[in-house]
C-alpha cells in the first residue's frame, strides 16, 4: 500500500479530529478497509494521544 499524504495540524484540534483527517485521506485515496482498520487499532491499542498519532503515521504520510 502506498500511504496517502495527509496534512495534520496538531494545534487545530484533538486526537479525534486528527483521526478524522487521516480516515478521510485513506478513504479518498481508495483505502476504506485500511481507514476502518486504523480507527479500530487506535481504539483498541492506543493508551494515549502520542501512541494514537504513531498509529496514524503508520497509515498516512504526514505533510
C-alpha atoms as a PDB file:
ATOM      1  CA  UNK A   1       0.000   0.000   0.000  1.00  0.00           C
ATOM      2  CA  UNK A   2       1.246   3.442  -0.914  1.00  0.00           C
ATOM      3  CA  UNK A   3       0.443   5.687   2.010  1.00  0.00           C
ATOM      4  CA  UNK A   4      -1.603   8.745   1.088  1.00  0.00           C
ATOM      5  CA  UNK A   5      -0.471  12.200   2.165  1.00  0.00           C
ATOM      6  CA  UNK A   6      -2.374  13.852   4.970  1.00  0.00           C
ATOM      7  CA  UNK A   7      -1.939  17.314   6.435  1.00  0.00           C
ATOM      8  CA  UNK A   8      -2.235  17.048  10.208  1.00  0.00           C
ATOM      9  CA  UNK A   9      -2.197  20.295  12.119  1.00  0.00           C
ATOM     10  CA  UNK A  10      -1.927  19.313  15.766  1.00  0.00           C
ATOM     11  CA  UNK A  11      -2.747  22.765  17.079  1.00  0.00           C
ATOM     12  CA  UNK A  12      -6.003  22.640  15.140  1.00  0.00           C
ATOM     13  CA  UNK A  13      -7.671  20.005  17.269  1.00  0.00           C
ATOM     14  CA  UNK A  14      -7.562  16.964  19.430  1.00  0.00           C
ATOM     15  CA  UNK A  15      -6.655  13.404  18.522  1.00  0.00           C
ATOM     16  CA  UNK A  16     -10.196  12.689  17.356  1.00  0.00           C
ATOM     17  CA  UNK A  17     -10.024  15.382  14.686  1.00  0.00           C
ATOM     18  CA  UNK A  18      -6.605  14.075  13.603  1.00  0.00           C
ATOM     19  CA  UNK A  19      -8.104  10.601  13.328  1.00  0.00           C
ATOM     20  CA  UNK A  20     -10.825  12.080  11.141  1.00  0.00           C
ATOM     21  CA  UNK A  21      -8.329  13.772   8.807  1.00  0.00           C
ATOM     22  CA  UNK A  22      -6.371  10.541   8.409  1.00  0.00           C
ATOM     23  CA  UNK A  23      -9.556   8.479   7.992  1.00  0.00           C
ATOM     24  CA  UNK A  24     -10.772  10.774   5.199  1.00  0.00           C
ATOM     25  CA  UNK A  25      -7.360  10.786   3.492  1.00  0.00           C
ATOM     26  CA  UNK A  26      -7.344   6.983   3.424  1.00  0.00           C
ATOM     27  CA  UNK A  27     -10.910   6.756   2.123  1.00  0.00           C
ATOM     28  CA  UNK A  28     -10.301   9.370  -0.591  1.00  0.00           C
ATOM     29  CA  UNK A  29      -7.174   7.505  -1.689  1.00  0.00           C
ATOM     30  CA  UNK A  30      -9.178   4.303  -2.135  1.00  0.00           C
ATOM     31  CA  UNK A  31      -8.277   2.570   1.124  1.00  0.00           C
ATOM     32  CA  UNK A  32     -11.578   2.292   3.040  1.00  0.00           C
ATOM     33  CA  UNK A  33     -10.586  -1.010   4.676  1.00  0.00           C
ATOM     34  CA  UNK A  34      -7.344   0.490   5.973  1.00  0.00           C
ATOM     35  CA  UNK A  35      -9.239   3.533   7.252  1.00  0.00           C
ATOM     36  CA  UNK A  36     -11.524   1.322   9.356  1.00  0.00           C
ATOM     37  CA  UNK A  37      -8.565  -0.815  10.432  1.00  0.00           C
ATOM     38  CA  UNK A  38      -6.660   2.278  11.617  1.00  0.00           C
ATOM     39  CA  UNK A  39      -9.592   3.506  13.723  1.00  0.00           C
ATOM     40  CA  UNK A  40     -10.087   0.055  15.254  1.00  0.00           C
ATOM     41  CA  UNK A  41      -6.383  -0.215  16.067  1.00  0.00           C
ATOM     42  CA  UNK A  42      -6.342   3.204  17.738  1.00  0.00           C
ATOM     43  CA  UNK A  43      -9.418   2.383  19.795  1.00  0.00           C
ATOM     44  CA  UNK A  44      -8.071  -0.965  20.943  1.00  0.00           C
ATOM     45  CA  UNK A  45      -4.339  -0.274  21.375  1.00  0.00           C
ATOM     46  CA  UNK A  46      -3.684   3.427  21.925  1.00  0.00           C
ATOM     47  CA  UNK A  47      -3.304   4.287  25.598  1.00  0.00           C
ATOM     48  CA  UNK A  48      -2.576   7.975  24.903  1.00  0.00           C
ATOM     49  CA  UNK A  49      -2.610  10.560  22.121  1.00  0.00           C
ATOM     50  CA  UNK A  50       1.072  10.110  21.300  1.00  0.00           C
ATOM     51  CA  UNK A  51       0.619   6.408  20.618  1.00  0.00           C
ATOM     52  CA  UNK A  52      -2.523   7.133  18.584  1.00  0.00           C
ATOM     53  CA  UNK A  53      -0.511   9.568  16.469  1.00  0.00           C
ATOM     54  CA  UNK A  54       2.149   6.897  15.888  1.00  0.00           C
ATOM     55  CA  UNK A  55      -0.554   4.553  14.598  1.00  0.00           C
ATOM     56  CA  UNK A  56      -1.905   7.273  12.301  1.00  0.00           C
ATOM     57  CA  UNK A  57       1.607   7.810  10.902  1.00  0.00           C
ATOM     58  CA  UNK A  58       1.780   4.103  10.046  1.00  0.00           C
ATOM     59  CA  UNK A  59      -1.155   4.604   7.684  1.00  0.00           C
ATOM     60  CA  UNK A  60      -0.576   8.062   6.167  1.00  0.00           C
ATOM     61  CA  UNK A  61       2.383  10.262   5.250  1.00  0.00           C
ATOM     62  CA  UNK A  62       2.059  13.353   7.396  1.00  0.00           C
ATOM     63  CA  UNK A  63       2.835  16.534   5.475  1.00  0.00           C
END
